[in-house]
Amino acid sequence: MAQSFEPRKVLKQIANPLLREFFSRRGELLDVPWDRITEHKIEPVFEGWQALPERQRLEVQVILRDINELADHRGMAVLAEEIRGRAPGLAEQFKAQASKVDKAMWIYLHLPEAFSEATLFARADALAAGRHWKRRNGLPKVTLGVTPEMLSKLGAALTAYYAPKQMRGGCCKVVHYRRQGGSDYFFAYLDDYPDKHIVFDSDDDEPTVRSDRYAFENVFVYNGDDGSMEVFAQGGKPVWEPLQIAFCKAVLGRDVDPADPLRPTFKLDHLLNPDFPLALEASDGVVDARITQMRVAPRGSSGWVEIKADPKASANDIYRKFERWLRTENVTIAGAKVMSTHFALQFQQDRHGSTLRFYVSVPNTCNLKSMPDEKRVVGERCLRRWGVTDDQ
């Protein structure tokens, strides 16, 4: 996530009644003339916050930063997921909040435990879009019974890897959360190299040099439904391969080959069949599905061609352009392979609105994971229905 944090801007984006409830619950800013200040005129609120004792001031800042971080599509998707799983009766009140920031603040006030977990899951979703997030499949499809002993075993395994190799990670704390969709998240916090920083302590205006032991983070996600695991760890293949092995041994009780590749997850060649039907289900709320772009290569060739459909043409325009390319290059369907495909799903306006655009590349790349959950799950169902997802 790591969105820019501007305190005044965040305060202005939160409705005054929610700000008033927030500070009132904390027993703070009771002298702010809440009934007289207009919406978004928050200088009295900002000044009152800054006048608080340092401990209270910093507590509020941390909360506002978390609210700011959740105020994007990933954060909203996770908060909605938490609402559906924990308190579906509050869904209408959540939707009634005017803005993303209001929604995040409302959850903090009315479902604090959901807010706390949502900040972790939203951070993990953001990490999943980066290059340090790796996935493997072909693991047992089981429902985990997570125990303190299991968490301790995983922590010991991570320490056994990091301490001798990187001379850090001698201390490790692993916490587990089960997401509403069923995935198990393991957040591992390990002590990093000590470092010196210039800091301001308490209300002292003079900076001082302080040596601290900060923590670095690994994230493991196990998906029992499809027998896959994902890991976030910096350091590339030499790091995440042994960490995968350590996780599988500690959590699944299974020895795995470090070189076990991620089996192909997607199949695209069948989409070359002329006017391949992208079947839809009414329950998904999708009124149109089409392929907007294909990257195709003649078999045995190192080259490829990218074909784009005309967005104003019919749904099968990509096939008309593909047929012209086949004739020009004297290539048959059997002699070609699809390297990547871009899809567009048009939703009914009374459902999710707008269009979901995503791509799939063989063997195992897809950007659906970074999409809002309510649309992502529809896209995943479509891929299964169209035979793109490997039925393993």
Protein backbone atom coordinates (compact mmCIF):
# COMPACT_ATOMS: atom_id res chain seq x y z
CA MET A 1 0.00 0.00 0.00
CA ALA A 2 2.24 2.82 1.28
CA GLN A 3 -0.03 5.67 0.24
CA SER A 4 1.13 9.20 0.93
CA PHE A 5 -0.08 10.39 4.31
CA GLU A 6 -1.13 14.01 4.72
CA PRO A 7 -2.78 14.41 8.16
CA ARG A 8 -4.86 17.48 7.30
CA LYS A 9 -6.09 15.89 4.10
CA VAL A 10 -7.12 12.69 5.88
CA LEU A 11 -8.99 14.64 8.56
CA LYS A 12 -10.81 16.66 5.89
CA GLN A 13 -11.92 13.49 4.14
CA ILE A 14 -13.54 12.05 7.28
CA ALA A 15 -17.06 13.23 8.04
CA ASN A 16 -17.22 15.42 11.14
CA PRO A 17 -19.70 13.12 13.00
CA LEU A 18 -17.25 10.23 12.64
CA LEU A 19 -14.33 12.38 13.80
CA ARG A 20 -16.36 13.56 16.77
CA GLU A 21 -17.26 9.98 17.73
CA PHE A 22 -13.64 8.88 17.32
CA PHE A 23 -12.18 11.53 19.62
CA SER A 24 -15.11 11.40 22.08
CA ARG A 25 -14.56 7.69 22.64
CA ARG A 26 -10.94 8.48 23.44
CA GLY A 27 -12.00 11.26 25.83
CA GLU A 28 -10.17 13.85 23.71
CA LEU A 29 -10.96 17.15 21.97
CA LEU A 30 -14.06 17.60 24.12
CA ASP A 31 -13.70 21.38 23.91
CA VAL A 32 -13.82 21.47 20.08
CA PRO A 33 -17.03 23.29 19.00
CA TRP A 34 -18.26 20.34 16.95
CA ASP A 35 -21.77 21.76 16.52
CA ARG A 36 -20.45 25.01 15.05
CA ILE A 37 -17.66 23.90 12.72
CA THR A 38 -18.71 23.17 9.15
CA GLU A 39 -17.89 19.96 7.34
CA HIS A 40 -14.22 19.67 6.41
CA LYS A 41 -13.25 22.81 8.36
CA ILE A 42 -10.93 20.84 10.55
CA GLU A 43 -8.36 23.36 11.81
CA PRO A 44 -9.80 23.27 15.37
CA VAL A 45 -9.63 19.46 15.19
CA PHE A 46 -6.09 19.45 13.84
CA GLU A 47 -4.90 21.98 16.40
CA GLY A 48 -6.61 20.09 19.21
CA TRP A 49 -4.96 16.86 18.10
CA GLN A 50 -1.52 18.48 17.95
CA ALA A 51 -2.00 19.89 21.45
CA LEU A 52 -2.49 16.42 22.96
CA PRO A 53 0.29 14.81 25.01
CA GLU A 54 2.79 13.03 22.76
CA ARG A 55 1.64 9.48 23.54
CA GLN A 56 -1.97 10.27 22.64
CA ARG A 57 -0.95 12.32 19.63
CA LEU A 58 1.11 9.46 18.22
CA GLU A 59 -1.65 6.91 18.93
CA VAL A 60 -4.06 8.98 16.83
CA GLN A 61 -1.49 9.34 14.07
CA VAL A 62 -1.01 5.58 13.84
CA ILE A 63 -4.77 5.02 13.58
CA LEU A 64 -5.18 7.72 10.93
CA ARG A 65 -2.32 6.23 8.92
CA ASP A 66 -4.02 2.82 8.97
CA ILE A 67 -7.31 4.42 7.90
CA ASN A 68 -5.50 6.18 5.07
CA GLU A 69 -3.87 2.93 3.98
CA LEU A 70 -7.23 1.13 3.85
CA ALA A 71 -8.88 3.87 1.79
CA ASP A 72 -8.20 2.31 -1.61
CA HIS A 73 -9.75 -0.49 -3.64
CA ARG A 74 -7.68 -3.20 -1.93
CA GLY A 75 -8.57 -1.93 1.51
CA MET A 76 -12.26 -1.60 0.67
CA ALA A 77 -12.33 -5.14 -0.74
CA VAL A 78 -10.78 -6.53 2.46
CA LEU A 79 -13.11 -4.52 4.71
CA ALA A 80 -16.14 -5.72 2.73
CA GLU A 81 -14.85 -9.28 3.07
CA GLU A 82 -14.54 -8.85 6.84
CA ILE A 83 -18.06 -7.39 7.08
CA ARG A 84 -19.57 -10.29 5.13
CA GLY A 85 -17.81 -12.82 7.31
CA ARG A 86 -18.20 -11.23 10.73
CA ALA A 87 -21.30 -9.03 10.75
CA PRO A 88 -23.35 -9.18 7.52
CA GLY A 89 -26.13 -7.27 9.28
CA LEU A 90 -23.90 -4.18 9.24
CA ALA A 91 -23.28 -4.30 5.48
CA GLU A 92 -25.87 -1.64 4.62
CA GLN A 93 -24.48 0.79 7.20
CA PHE A 94 -20.99 0.21 5.81
CA LYS A 95 -22.15 0.88 2.24
CA ALA A 96 -23.99 4.02 3.37
CA GLN A 97 -20.75 5.76 4.36
CA ALA A 98 -19.95 8.51 1.88
CA SER A 99 -16.30 7.84 1.10
CA LYS A 100 -13.58 5.21 1.37
CA VAL A 101 -12.02 7.06 4.29
CA ASP A 102 -15.40 7.25 6.05
CA LYS A 103 -15.89 3.52 5.52
CA ALA A 104 -12.50 2.75 7.05
CA MET A 105 -13.18 5.00 10.06
CA TRP A 106 -16.65 3.52 10.52
CA ILE A 107 -15.21 0.00 10.62
CA TYR A 108 -12.59 1.13 13.14
CA LEU A 109 -15.36 2.44 15.38
CA HIS A 110 -17.87 -0.39 15.01
CA LEU A 111 -15.80 -3.51 14.20
CA PRO A 112 -12.32 -2.83 15.59
CA GLU A 113 -11.23 -6.47 15.37
CA ALA A 114 -12.13 -6.50 11.67
CA PHE A 115 -10.21 -3.25 11.18
CA SER A 116 -7.08 -4.70 12.79
CA GLU A 117 -7.06 -7.80 10.61
CA ALA A 118 -8.01 -5.86 7.48
CA THR A 119 -4.88 -3.73 7.79
CA LEU A 120 -2.77 -6.90 7.71
CA PHE A 121 -4.64 -8.51 4.80
CA ALA A 122 -4.65 -5.31 2.75
CA ARG A 123 -0.89 -5.02 3.25
CA ALA A 124 -0.45 -8.63 2.15
CA ASP A 125 -2.59 -7.99 -0.95
CA ALA A 126 -0.41 -5.01 -1.80
CA LEU A 127 2.76 -7.07 -1.35
CA ALA A 128 1.30 -9.72 -3.66
CA ALA A 129 1.55 -7.31 -6.58
CA GLY A 130 5.33 -7.00 -6.12
CA ARG A 131 8.24 -9.02 -7.39
CA HIS A 132 9.07 -10.57 -4.01
CA TRP A 133 5.79 -12.55 -3.90
CA LYS A 134 6.22 -16.14 -5.13
CA ARG A 135 3.76 -18.99 -5.54
CA ARG A 136 3.89 -22.77 -5.86
CA ASN A 137 1.17 -25.38 -6.18
CA GLY A 138 0.83 -29.16 -6.13
CA LEU A 139 0.63 -29.27 -2.32
CA PRO A 140 -1.90 -31.24 -0.21
CA LYS A 141 -5.42 -29.84 -0.24
CA VAL A 142 -6.18 -29.86 3.49
CA THR A 143 -7.81 -27.69 6.12
CA LEU A 144 -5.16 -26.63 8.60
CA GLY A 145 -5.55 -27.02 12.32
CA VAL A 146 -3.16 -24.28 13.39
CA THR A 147 -1.70 -24.64 16.88
CA PRO A 148 0.79 -22.63 18.95
CA GLU A 149 3.23 -25.52 18.51
CA MET A 150 2.94 -25.21 14.73
CA LEU A 151 3.66 -21.47 14.89
CA SER A 152 6.66 -22.06 17.15
CA LYS A 153 7.97 -24.73 14.78
CA LEU A 154 7.70 -22.38 11.81
CA GLY A 155 9.41 -19.59 13.76
CA ALA A 156 12.26 -21.93 14.72
CA ALA A 157 12.64 -23.04 11.11
CA LEU A 158 12.89 -19.43 9.91
CA THR A 159 15.43 -18.61 12.61
CA ALA A 160 17.44 -21.70 11.63
CA TYR A 161 17.61 -20.35 8.07
CA TYR A 162 18.28 -16.66 8.67
CA ALA A 163 20.59 -16.70 11.71
CA PRO A 164 23.56 -18.60 10.21
CA LYS A 165 23.17 -17.29 6.64
CA GLN A 166 22.35 -13.62 7.18
CA MET A 167 23.29 -13.10 10.84
CA ARG A 168 19.84 -11.73 11.60
CA GLY A 169 16.47 -13.30 12.38
CA GLY A 170 17.63 -14.82 15.66
CA CYS A 171 14.25 -13.93 17.15
CA CYS A 172 11.00 -14.71 15.36
CA LYS A 173 7.34 -14.25 16.19
CA VAL A 174 4.73 -15.87 13.91
CA VAL A 175 1.05 -14.89 14.04
CA HIS A 176 -1.73 -16.63 12.17
CA TYR A 177 -5.01 -15.34 10.76
CA ARG A 178 -7.59 -17.21 8.72
CA ARG A 179 -9.12 -15.01 6.06
CA GLN A 180 -12.86 -15.09 5.45
CA GLY A 181 -12.31 -16.87 2.15
CA GLY A 182 -10.51 -19.72 3.92
CA SER A 183 -6.85 -18.93 3.19
CA ASP A 184 -4.41 -19.16 6.10
CA TYR A 185 -2.04 -16.22 6.53
CA PHE A 186 1.15 -16.53 8.56
CA PHE A 187 2.94 -13.26 9.35
CA ALA A 188 6.48 -13.85 10.56
CA TYR A 189 8.35 -10.96 12.22
CA LEU A 190 12.09 -11.42 12.61
CA ASP A 191 14.67 -9.13 14.21
CA ASP A 192 16.70 -7.23 11.64
CA TYR A 193 20.27 -5.92 11.76
CA PRO A 194 20.67 -3.28 14.49
CA ASP A 195 20.89 0.22 13.11
CA LYS A 196 21.36 3.75 14.37
CA HIS A 197 18.82 6.46 13.70
CA ILE A 198 18.50 10.10 14.59
CA VAL A 199 15.29 10.49 16.57
CA PHE A 200 13.41 12.99 18.71
CA ASP A 201 12.47 11.58 22.13
CA SER A 202 9.36 12.76 23.97
CA ASP A 203 8.98 16.53 23.84
CA ASP A 204 12.71 17.19 23.54
CA ASP A 205 13.57 19.40 20.58
CA GLU A 206 17.11 18.06 20.41
CA PRO A 207 17.70 15.03 18.16
CA THR A 208 19.57 12.08 19.57
CA VAL A 209 21.19 8.99 18.05
CA ARG A 210 19.49 5.75 19.04
CA SER A 211 20.37 2.18 18.17
CA ASP A 212 17.35 -0.07 17.61
CA ARG A 213 16.56 -3.61 16.53
CA TYR A 214 13.82 -3.32 13.96
CA ALA A 215 11.86 -6.20 12.47
CA PHE A 216 11.58 -7.47 8.94
CA GLU A 217 8.65 -9.48 7.70
CA ASN A 218 7.90 -12.68 5.84
CA VAL A 219 4.34 -13.54 4.80
CA PHE A 220 3.14 -17.05 3.99
CA VAL A 221 -0.30 -17.84 2.58
CA TYR A 222 -1.62 -21.40 2.34
CA ASN A 223 -4.69 -22.06 0.17
CA GLY A 224 -6.14 -25.42 1.16
CA ASP A 225 -8.78 -25.38 -1.59
CA ASP A 226 -6.25 -25.64 -4.41
CA GLY A 227 -3.16 -26.89 -2.58
CA SER A 228 -1.03 -23.82 -3.21
CA MET A 229 1.17 -21.60 -1.09
CA GLU A 230 2.54 -18.12 -1.56
CA VAL A 231 5.44 -16.42 0.16
CA PHE A 232 6.68 -12.86 0.45
CA ALA A 233 10.39 -12.68 1.22
CA GLN A 234 13.11 -10.42 -0.10
CA GLY A 235 16.24 -11.96 -1.52
CA GLY A 236 15.17 -13.82 -4.65
CA LYS A 237 15.19 -17.53 -5.39
CA PRO A 238 18.08 -18.40 -2.99
CA VAL A 239 15.84 -17.15 -0.15
CA TRP A 240 12.27 -18.04 -1.03
CA GLU A 241 13.03 -21.62 -2.11
CA PRO A 242 14.40 -22.69 1.31
CA LEU A 243 11.62 -20.72 3.00
CA GLN A 244 9.03 -22.67 1.03
CA ILE A 245 10.70 -25.89 2.18
CA ALA A 246 10.73 -24.70 5.80
CA PHE A 247 7.05 -23.72 5.68
CA CYS A 248 5.91 -27.00 4.12
CA LYS A 249 7.86 -29.01 6.69
CA ALA A 250 6.68 -27.00 9.71
CA VAL A 251 3.06 -26.41 8.72
CA LEU A 252 2.15 -29.24 6.34
CA GLY A 253 4.52 -31.87 7.70
CA ARG A 254 5.72 -32.51 4.18
CA ASP A 255 9.19 -32.53 2.60
CA VAL A 256 9.16 -30.82 -0.79
CA ASP A 257 11.73 -30.57 -3.53
CA PRO A 258 13.30 -27.09 -3.61
CA ALA A 259 13.31 -27.22 -7.39
CA ASP A 260 9.69 -28.32 -7.68
CA PRO A 261 8.41 -25.88 -10.29
CA LEU A 262 5.10 -24.10 -10.26
CA ARG A 263 3.01 -26.32 -12.47
CA PRO A 264 1.30 -24.55 -15.37
CA THR A 265 -1.77 -22.87 -13.99
CA PHE A 266 -3.29 -21.51 -17.20
CA LYS A 267 -4.10 -22.89 -20.65
CA LEU A 268 -4.78 -20.48 -23.49
CA ASP A 269 -4.26 -22.28 -26.81
CA HIS A 270 -7.89 -23.41 -27.04
CA LEU A 271 -8.92 -19.76 -27.21
CA LEU A 272 -7.60 -19.75 -30.79
CA ASN A 273 -10.64 -21.73 -31.92
CA PRO A 274 -12.73 -19.31 -34.01
CA ASP A 275 -15.31 -17.37 -32.01
CA PHE A 276 -14.57 -19.34 -28.85
CA PRO A 277 -17.66 -18.89 -26.62
CA LEU A 278 -16.96 -16.99 -23.42
CA ALA A 279 -19.91 -18.42 -21.52
CA LEU A 280 -21.51 -16.29 -18.81
CA GLU A 281 -23.68 -16.94 -15.77
CA ALA A 282 -26.44 -14.48 -14.90
CA SER A 283 -25.50 -14.63 -11.20
CA ASP A 284 -22.13 -13.03 -11.98
CA GLY A 285 -23.77 -9.83 -13.19
CA VAL A 286 -21.65 -9.76 -16.37
CA VAL A 287 -23.41 -8.60 -19.54
CA ASP A 288 -20.48 -8.87 -21.96
CA ALA A 289 -17.16 -10.72 -22.07
CA ARG A 290 -14.58 -10.43 -24.78
CA ILE A 291 -10.93 -10.91 -25.62
CA THR A 292 -9.30 -7.57 -26.30
CA GLN A 293 -5.73 -8.62 -27.00
CA MET A 294 -3.70 -11.74 -27.74
CA ARG A 295 0.00 -12.41 -28.01
CA VAL A 296 0.47 -15.33 -30.38
CA ALA A 297 3.60 -17.12 -31.57
CA PRO A 298 4.12 -19.70 -34.34
CA ARG A 299 5.22 -22.95 -32.74
CA GLY A 300 8.96 -23.40 -32.90
CA SER A 301 9.54 -19.70 -33.42
CA SER A 302 11.14 -17.25 -31.02
CA GLY A 303 9.07 -14.40 -32.42
CA TRP A 304 5.50 -13.41 -31.61
CA VAL A 305 2.80 -11.04 -32.75
CA GLU A 306 0.37 -9.05 -30.63
CA ILE A 307 -3.15 -8.69 -31.95
CA LYS A 308 -5.55 -6.09 -30.57
CA ALA A 309 -9.28 -5.94 -31.10
CA ASP A 310 -11.12 -2.80 -32.07
CA PRO A 311 -12.96 -1.73 -28.87
CA LYS A 312 -15.84 -0.39 -30.98
CA ALA A 313 -16.24 -3.57 -33.02
CA SER A 314 -18.12 -6.78 -32.23
CA ALA A 315 -17.15 -9.07 -29.36
CA ASN A 316 -15.34 -11.47 -31.73
CA ASP A 317 -13.31 -8.82 -33.57
CA ILE A 318 -10.11 -10.35 -32.17
CA TYR A 319 -10.82 -13.49 -34.24
CA ARG A 320 -11.37 -11.57 -37.46
CA LYS A 321 -7.99 -9.90 -37.02
CA PHE A 322 -6.39 -13.21 -36.05
CA GLU A 323 -7.75 -14.90 -39.19
CA ARG A 324 -6.24 -12.17 -41.37
CA TRP A 325 -2.87 -12.67 -39.66
CA LEU A 326 -3.06 -16.44 -40.21
CA ARG A 327 -3.66 -15.95 -43.93
CA THR A 328 -0.89 -13.38 -44.23
CA GLU A 329 1.69 -15.48 -42.38
CA ASN A 330 0.47 -18.84 -43.73
CA VAL A 331 0.11 -20.20 -40.19
CA THR A 332 -2.54 -22.67 -39.05
CA ILE A 333 -4.32 -22.67 -35.70
CA ALA A 334 -2.57 -25.93 -34.86
CA GLY A 335 0.73 -24.27 -35.66
CA ALA A 336 0.26 -21.37 -33.26
CA LYS A 337 0.31 -20.95 -29.50
CA VAL A 338 -1.09 -18.25 -27.25
CA MET A 339 1.37 -16.61 -24.91
CA SER A 340 -1.01 -14.15 -23.24
CA THR A 341 -4.61 -12.97 -23.45
CA HIS A 342 -6.33 -9.82 -22.23
CA PHE A 343 -9.99 -10.04 -21.20
CA ALA A 344 -12.69 -7.44 -20.55
CA LEU A 345 -15.83 -8.13 -18.51
CA GLN A 346 -18.62 -5.56 -18.61
CA PHE A 347 -20.73 -5.58 -15.44
CA GLN A 348 -24.31 -4.52 -15.02
CA GLN A 349 -24.47 -0.99 -13.69
CA ASP A 350 -26.54 -2.02 -10.69
CA ARG A 351 -23.92 -4.56 -9.62
CA HIS A 352 -20.26 -3.57 -9.55
CA GLY A 353 -20.36 -1.09 -12.43
CA SER A 354 -17.70 -0.40 -15.05
CA THR A 355 -15.42 -2.93 -16.73
CA LEU A 356 -12.96 -5.43 -15.30
CA ARG A 357 -9.85 -5.69 -17.48
CA PHE A 358 -7.22 -8.30 -16.72
CA TYR A 359 -4.62 -10.45 -18.43
CA VAL A 360 -3.41 -14.03 -18.25
CA SER A 361 -0.01 -15.29 -19.44
CA VAL A 362 1.19 -18.89 -19.62
CA PRO A 363 2.27 -20.68 -17.62
CA ASN A 364 1.19 -18.97 -14.41
CA THR A 365 0.85 -15.18 -14.53
CA CYS A 366 -2.40 -13.29 -13.95
CA ASN A 367 -3.08 -9.86 -12.47
CA LEU A 368 -6.54 -10.70 -11.09
CA LYS A 369 -5.13 -10.97 -7.57
CA SER A 370 -4.64 -7.20 -7.44
CA MET A 371 -8.27 -6.49 -8.37
CA PRO A 372 -11.10 -5.71 -5.93
CA ASP A 373 -12.37 -8.96 -4.41
CA GLU A 374 -15.97 -8.67 -5.64
CA LYS A 375 -14.71 -8.51 -9.23
CA ARG A 376 -11.71 -10.81 -8.81
CA VAL A 377 -13.87 -13.78 -7.77
CA VAL A 378 -16.06 -13.31 -10.85
CA GLY A 379 -12.99 -13.21 -13.09
CA GLU A 380 -11.65 -16.40 -11.50
CA ARG A 381 -15.00 -18.16 -12.03
CA CYS A 382 -14.97 -17.12 -15.68
CA LEU A 383 -11.45 -18.48 -16.20
CA ARG A 384 -12.53 -21.83 -14.77
CA ARG A 385 -15.68 -21.85 -16.91
CA TRP A 386 -13.69 -21.07 -20.07
CA GLY A 387 -11.10 -23.79 -19.40
CA VAL A 388 -8.26 -21.34 -18.83
CA THR A 389 -7.58 -22.38 -15.25
CA ASP A 390 -5.91 -25.74 -14.87
CA ASP A 391 -8.27 -28.21 -13.15
CA GLN A 392 -5.69 -29.79 -10.91
